[in-house]
Each structure stands twice: as C-alpha cells, then as structure tokens.
Amino acid sequence: MGIGRSGQTKCGICNKEIKDFKYVAMPQWNISEYLCGVCYSQKLTEYYIKREVKGK
C-alpha cells in the first residue's frame, strides 16, 4: 500500500469506500480490514462503554 489512489479501500463494517483516513481496528475487535471514521467511532464508543459497565 502506498500513497495515492491506486486501489479503493472499503470499510470492514459498512463496506463504504474510505476516501480520507483509514482507521485500524483494535485487536480485541477481531476486524482485519480498515474502518471508516464513522464505524471506528461507533466501535470505540461501544468498546469503552462495555468496559465501563463491566468495571462497575
């Protein structure tokens, strides 16, 4: 993978084309593909809310 638009990258969750920044999923999520910003934010929120509830 290099810089440029030689290949289209799609989000591993919603399957939409990622145009800007590609996010790497946390290992705990078991997702090997890149994520778009919306899906990454959603997964991050879910992960930390679950951890917070578990800790109480």
PDB file of N, CA and C in Angstrom:
ATOM      1  N   MET A   1       0.833  -1.184   0.000  1.00  0.00           N
ATOM      2  CA  MET A   1       0.000   0.000   0.000  1.00  0.00           C
ATOM      3  C   MET A   1       0.867   1.233   0.000  1.00  0.00           C
ATOM      4  N   GLY A   2       0.620   2.083  -0.910  1.00  0.00           N
ATOM      5  CA  GLY A   2       1.373   3.314  -0.969  1.00  0.00           C
ATOM      6  C   GLY A   2       0.440   4.499  -0.908  1.00  0.00           C
ATOM      7  N   ILE A   3       1.025   5.645  -1.052  1.00  0.00           N
ATOM      8  CA  ILE A   3       0.228   6.856  -1.070  1.00  0.00           C
ATOM      9  C   ILE A   3      -0.344   7.017  -2.468  1.00  0.00           C
ATOM     10  N   GLY A   4      -1.574   7.411  -2.556  1.00  0.00           N
ATOM     11  CA  GLY A   4      -2.200   7.591  -3.857  1.00  0.00           C
ATOM     12  C   GLY A   4      -3.522   6.861  -3.929  1.00  0.00           C
ATOM     13  N   ARG A   5      -4.091   6.849  -5.088  1.00  0.00           N
ATOM     14  CA  ARG A   5      -5.412   6.253  -5.263  1.00  0.00           C
ATOM     15  C   ARG A   5      -5.358   5.057  -6.203  1.00  0.00           C
ATOM     16  N   SER A   6      -4.361   4.229  -6.041  1.00  0.00           N
ATOM     17  CA  SER A   6      -4.237   3.091  -6.943  1.00  0.00           C
ATOM     18  C   SER A   6      -5.320   2.048  -6.696  1.00  0.00           C
ATOM     19  N   GLY A   7      -5.793   1.950  -5.473  1.00  0.00           N
ATOM     20  CA  GLY A   7      -6.837   0.985  -5.171  1.00  0.00           C
ATOM     21  C   GLY A   7      -7.847   1.575  -4.214  1.00  0.00           C
ATOM     22  N   GLN A   8      -9.070   1.130  -4.328  1.00  0.00           N
ATOM     23  CA  GLN A   8     -10.098   1.623  -3.427  1.00  0.00           C
ATOM     24  C   GLN A   8     -10.103   0.761  -2.175  1.00  0.00           C
ATOM     25  N   THR A   9     -10.241   1.406  -1.047  1.00  0.00           N
ATOM     26  CA  THR A   9     -10.319   0.701   0.219  1.00  0.00           C
ATOM     27  C   THR A   9     -11.728   0.867   0.755  1.00  0.00           C
ATOM     28  N   LYS A  10     -12.317  -0.240   1.174  1.00  0.00           N
ATOM     29  CA  LYS A  10     -13.673  -0.196   1.724  1.00  0.00           C
ATOM     30  C   LYS A  10     -13.635  -0.507   3.203  1.00  0.00           C
ATOM     31  N   CYS A  11     -14.578   0.060   3.933  1.00  0.00           N
ATOM     32  CA  CYS A  11     -14.700  -0.147   5.373  1.00  0.00           C
ATOM     33  C   CYS A  11     -15.058  -1.602   5.652  1.00  0.00           C
ATOM     34  N   GLY A  12     -14.441  -2.180   6.662  1.00  0.00           N
ATOM     35  CA  GLY A  12     -14.682  -3.571   7.023  1.00  0.00           C
ATOM     36  C   GLY A  12     -16.043  -3.810   7.662  1.00  0.00           C
ATOM     37  N   ILE A  13     -16.736  -2.754   8.062  1.00  0.00           N
ATOM     38  CA  ILE A  13     -18.047  -2.904   8.693  1.00  0.00           C
ATOM     39  C   ILE A  13     -19.167  -2.500   7.731  1.00  0.00           C
ATOM     40  N   CYS A  14     -19.130  -1.263   7.255  1.00  0.00           N
ATOM     41  CA  CYS A  14     -20.240  -0.760   6.426  1.00  0.00           C
ATOM     42  C   CYS A  14     -20.002  -0.951   4.929  1.00  0.00           C
ATOM     43  N   ASN A  15     -18.792  -1.306   4.546  1.00  0.00           N
ATOM     44  CA  ASN A  15     -18.432  -1.586   3.161  1.00  0.00           C
ATOM     45  C   ASN A  15     -18.459  -0.352   2.249  1.00  0.00           C
ATOM     46  N   LYS A  16     -18.483   0.851   2.830  1.00  0.00           N
ATOM     47  CA  LYS A  16     -18.418   2.071   2.023  1.00  0.00           C
ATOM     48  C   LYS A  16     -16.956   2.370   1.705  1.00  0.00           C
ATOM     49  N   GLU A  17     -16.737   3.055   0.601  1.00  0.00           N
ATOM     50  CA  GLU A  17     -15.388   3.426   0.207  1.00  0.00           C
ATOM     51  C   GLU A  17     -14.818   4.435   1.201  1.00  0.00           C
ATOM     52  N   ILE A  18     -13.579   4.208   1.620  1.00  0.00           N
ATOM     53  CA  ILE A  18     -12.898   5.125   2.536  1.00  0.00           C
ATOM     54  C   ILE A  18     -12.118   6.107   1.669  1.00  0.00           C
ATOM     55  N   LYS A  19     -12.468   7.376   1.778  1.00  0.00           N
ATOM     56  CA  LYS A  19     -11.841   8.387   0.934  1.00  0.00           C
ATOM     57  C   LYS A  19     -10.693   9.100   1.626  1.00  0.00           C
ATOM     58  N   ASP A  20     -10.794   9.290   2.926  1.00  0.00           N
ATOM     59  CA  ASP A  20      -9.776  10.057   3.629  1.00  0.00           C
ATOM     60  C   ASP A  20      -8.883   9.157   4.470  1.00  0.00           C
ATOM     61  N   PHE A  21      -9.037   9.219   5.748  1.00  0.00           N
ATOM     62  CA  PHE A  21      -8.174   8.498   6.678  1.00  0.00           C
ATOM     63  C   PHE A  21      -8.705   7.098   6.939  1.00  0.00           C
ATOM     64  N   LYS A  22      -7.814   6.117   6.926  1.00  0.00           N
ATOM     65  CA  LYS A  22      -8.182   4.727   7.201  1.00  0.00           C
ATOM     66  C   LYS A  22      -7.830   4.420   8.653  1.00  0.00           C
ATOM     67  N   TYR A  23      -8.788   3.962   9.413  1.00  0.00           N
ATOM     68  CA  TYR A  23      -8.564   3.614  10.810  1.00  0.00           C
ATOM     69  C   TYR A  23      -8.299   2.119  10.937  1.00  0.00           C
ATOM     70  N   VAL A  24      -7.388   1.769  11.819  1.00  0.00           N
ATOM     71  CA  VAL A  24      -7.060   0.371  12.085  1.00  0.00           C
ATOM     72  C   VAL A  24      -7.841  -0.056  13.329  1.00  0.00           C
ATOM     73  N   ALA A  25      -8.547  -1.162  13.225  1.00  0.00           N
ATOM     74  CA  ALA A  25      -9.357  -1.658  14.336  1.00  0.00           C
ATOM     75  C   ALA A  25      -8.470  -2.159  15.475  1.00  0.00           C
ATOM     76  N   MET A  26      -8.976  -2.068  16.680  1.00  0.00           N
ATOM     77  CA  MET A  26      -8.260  -2.607  17.835  1.00  0.00           C
ATOM     78  C   MET A  26      -8.236  -4.132  17.728  1.00  0.00           C
ATOM     79  N   PRO A  27      -7.168  -4.765  18.177  1.00  0.00           N
ATOM     80  CA  PRO A  27      -7.074  -6.231  18.084  1.00  0.00           C
ATOM     81  C   PRO A  27      -8.249  -6.959  18.752  1.00  0.00           C
ATOM     82  N   GLN A  28      -8.800  -6.398  19.812  1.00  0.00           N
ATOM     83  CA  GLN A  28      -9.909  -7.015  20.534  1.00  0.00           C
ATOM     84  C   GLN A  28     -11.174  -7.115  19.696  1.00  0.00           C
ATOM     85  N   TRP A  29     -11.270  -6.314  18.650  1.00  0.00           N
ATOM     86  CA  TRP A  29     -12.475  -6.304  17.829  1.00  0.00           C
ATOM     87  C   TRP A  29     -12.485  -7.406  16.787  1.00  0.00           C
ATOM     88  N   ASN A  30     -11.355  -8.041  16.554  1.00  0.00           N
ATOM     89  CA  ASN A  30     -11.230  -9.117  15.560  1.00  0.00           C
ATOM     90  C   ASN A  30     -11.684  -8.682  14.164  1.00  0.00           C
ATOM     91  N   ILE A  31     -11.272  -7.494  13.761  1.00  0.00           N
ATOM     92  CA  ILE A  31     -11.569  -6.978  12.428  1.00  0.00           C
ATOM     93  C   ILE A  31     -10.230  -6.714  11.748  1.00  0.00           C
ATOM     94  N   SER A  32      -9.991  -7.363  10.628  1.00  0.00           N
ATOM     95  CA  SER A  32      -8.690  -7.233   9.962  1.00  0.00           C
ATOM     96  C   SER A  32      -8.667  -6.126   8.905  1.00  0.00           C
ATOM     97  N   GLU A  33      -9.822  -5.622   8.504  1.00  0.00           N
ATOM     98  CA  GLU A  33      -9.888  -4.581   7.482  1.00  0.00           C
ATOM     99  C   GLU A  33      -9.798  -3.199   8.122  1.00  0.00           C
ATOM    100  N   TYR A  34      -9.576  -2.199   7.265  1.00  0.00           N
ATOM    101  CA  TYR A  34      -9.599  -0.816   7.728  1.00  0.00           C
ATOM    102  C   TYR A  34     -11.044  -0.400   7.997  1.00  0.00           C
ATOM    103  N   LEU A  35     -11.203   0.651   8.806  1.00  0.00           N
ATOM    104  CA  LEU A  35     -12.533   1.168   9.123  1.00  0.00           C
ATOM    105  C   LEU A  35     -12.627   2.631   8.726  1.00  0.00           C
ATOM    106  N   CYS A  36     -13.848   3.053   8.374  1.00  0.00           N
ATOM    107  CA  CYS A  36     -14.089   4.474   8.123  1.00  0.00           C
ATOM    108  C   CYS A  36     -14.224   5.172   9.480  1.00  0.00           C
ATOM    109  N   GLY A  37     -14.204   6.482   9.474  1.00  0.00           N
ATOM    110  CA  GLY A  37     -14.260   7.248  10.713  1.00  0.00           C
ATOM    111  C   GLY A  37     -15.536   7.027  11.511  1.00  0.00           C
ATOM    112  N   VAL A  38     -16.656   6.896  10.826  1.00  0.00           N
ATOM    113  CA  VAL A  38     -17.943   6.713  11.497  1.00  0.00           C
ATOM    114  C   VAL A  38     -17.978   5.362  12.225  1.00  0.00           C
ATOM    115  N   CYS A  39     -17.600   4.301  11.533  1.00  0.00           N
ATOM    116  CA  CYS A  39     -17.625   2.962  12.135  1.00  0.00           C
ATOM    117  C   CYS A  39     -16.589   2.839  13.242  1.00  0.00           C
ATOM    118  N   TYR A  40     -15.426   3.454  13.045  1.00  0.00           N
ATOM    119  CA  TYR A  40     -14.388   3.410  14.075  1.00  0.00           C
ATOM    120  C   TYR A  40     -14.882   4.091  15.356  1.00  0.00           C
ATOM    121  N   SER A  41     -15.481   5.254  15.211  1.00  0.00           N
ATOM    122  CA  SER A  41     -16.008   5.972  16.378  1.00  0.00           C
ATOM    123  C   SER A  41     -17.079   5.160  17.089  1.00  0.00           C
ATOM    124  N   GLN A  42     -17.943   4.532  16.316  1.00  0.00           N
ATOM    125  CA  GLN A  42     -19.017   3.728  16.889  1.00  0.00           C
ATOM    126  C   GLN A  42     -18.447   2.534  17.661  1.00  0.00           C
ATOM    127  N   LYS A  43     -17.500   1.819  17.063  1.00  0.00           N
ATOM    128  CA  LYS A  43     -16.893   0.659  17.724  1.00  0.00           C
ATOM    129  C   LYS A  43     -16.122   1.084  18.976  1.00  0.00           C
ATOM    130  N   LEU A  44     -15.426   2.207  18.905  1.00  0.00           N
ATOM    131  CA  LEU A  44     -14.668   2.710  20.035  1.00  0.00           C
ATOM    132  C   LEU A  44     -15.601   3.051  21.199  1.00  0.00           C
ATOM    133  N   THR A  45     -16.708   3.702  20.892  1.00  0.00           N
ATOM    134  CA  THR A  45     -17.694   4.042  21.917  1.00  0.00           C
ATOM    135  C   THR A  45     -18.276   2.780  22.545  1.00  0.00           C
ATOM    136  N   GLU A  46     -18.664   1.805  21.713  1.00  0.00           N
ATOM    137  CA  GLU A  46     -19.215   0.550  22.225  1.00  0.00           C
ATOM    138  C   GLU A  46     -18.206  -0.158  23.122  1.00  0.00           C
ATOM    139  N   TYR A  47     -16.963  -0.190  22.704  1.00  0.00           N
ATOM    140  CA  TYR A  47     -15.919  -0.891  23.454  1.00  0.00           C
ATOM    141  C   TYR A  47     -15.734  -0.275  24.839  1.00  0.00           C
ATOM    142  N   TYR A  48     -15.616   1.053  24.898  1.00  0.00           N
ATOM    143  CA  TYR A  48     -15.366   1.693  26.187  1.00  0.00           C
ATOM    144  C   TYR A  48     -16.598   1.723  27.077  1.00  0.00           C
ATOM    145  N   ILE A  49     -17.790   1.783  26.511  1.00  0.00           N
ATOM    146  CA  ILE A  49     -18.997   1.707  27.333  1.00  0.00           C
ATOM    147  C   ILE A  49     -19.105   0.321  27.960  1.00  0.00           C
ATOM    148  N   LYS A  50     -18.826  -0.735  27.190  1.00  0.00           N
ATOM    149  CA  LYS A  50     -18.879  -2.091  27.726  1.00  0.00           C
ATOM    150  C   LYS A  50     -17.844  -2.284  28.822  1.00  0.00           C
ATOM    151  N   ARG A  51     -16.643  -1.740  28.657  1.00  0.00           N
ATOM    152  CA  ARG A  51     -15.599  -1.853  29.675  1.00  0.00           C
ATOM    153  C   ARG A  51     -15.998  -1.129  30.946  1.00  0.00           C
ATOM    154  N   GLU A  52     -16.622   0.027  30.792  1.00  0.00           N
ATOM    155  CA  GLU A  52     -17.041   0.815  31.954  1.00  0.00           C
ATOM    156  C   GLU A  52     -18.128   0.081  32.735  1.00  0.00           C
ATOM    157  N   VAL A  53     -19.092  -0.504  32.039  1.00  0.00           N
ATOM    158  CA  VAL A  53     -20.186  -1.233  32.681  1.00  0.00           C
ATOM    159  C   VAL A  53     -19.629  -2.471  33.381  1.00  0.00           C
ATOM    160  N   LYS A  54     -18.697  -3.150  32.731  1.00  0.00           N
ATOM    161  CA  LYS A  54     -18.096  -4.360  33.316  1.00  0.00           C
ATOM    162  C   LYS A  54     -17.348  -4.031  34.604  1.00  0.00           C
ATOM    163  N   GLY A  55     -16.715  -2.868  34.656  1.00  0.00           N
ATOM    164  CA  GLY A  55     -15.914  -2.484  35.814  1.00  0.00           C
ATOM    165  C   GLY A  55     -16.733  -2.075  37.033  1.00  0.00           C
ATOM    166  N   LYS A  56     -18.004  -1.817  36.847  1.00  0.00           N
ATOM    167  CA  LYS A  56     -18.842  -1.354  37.973  1.00  0.00           C
ATOM    168  C   LYS A  56     -19.383  -2.497  38.769  1.00  0.00           C
TER     169      LYS A  56
END
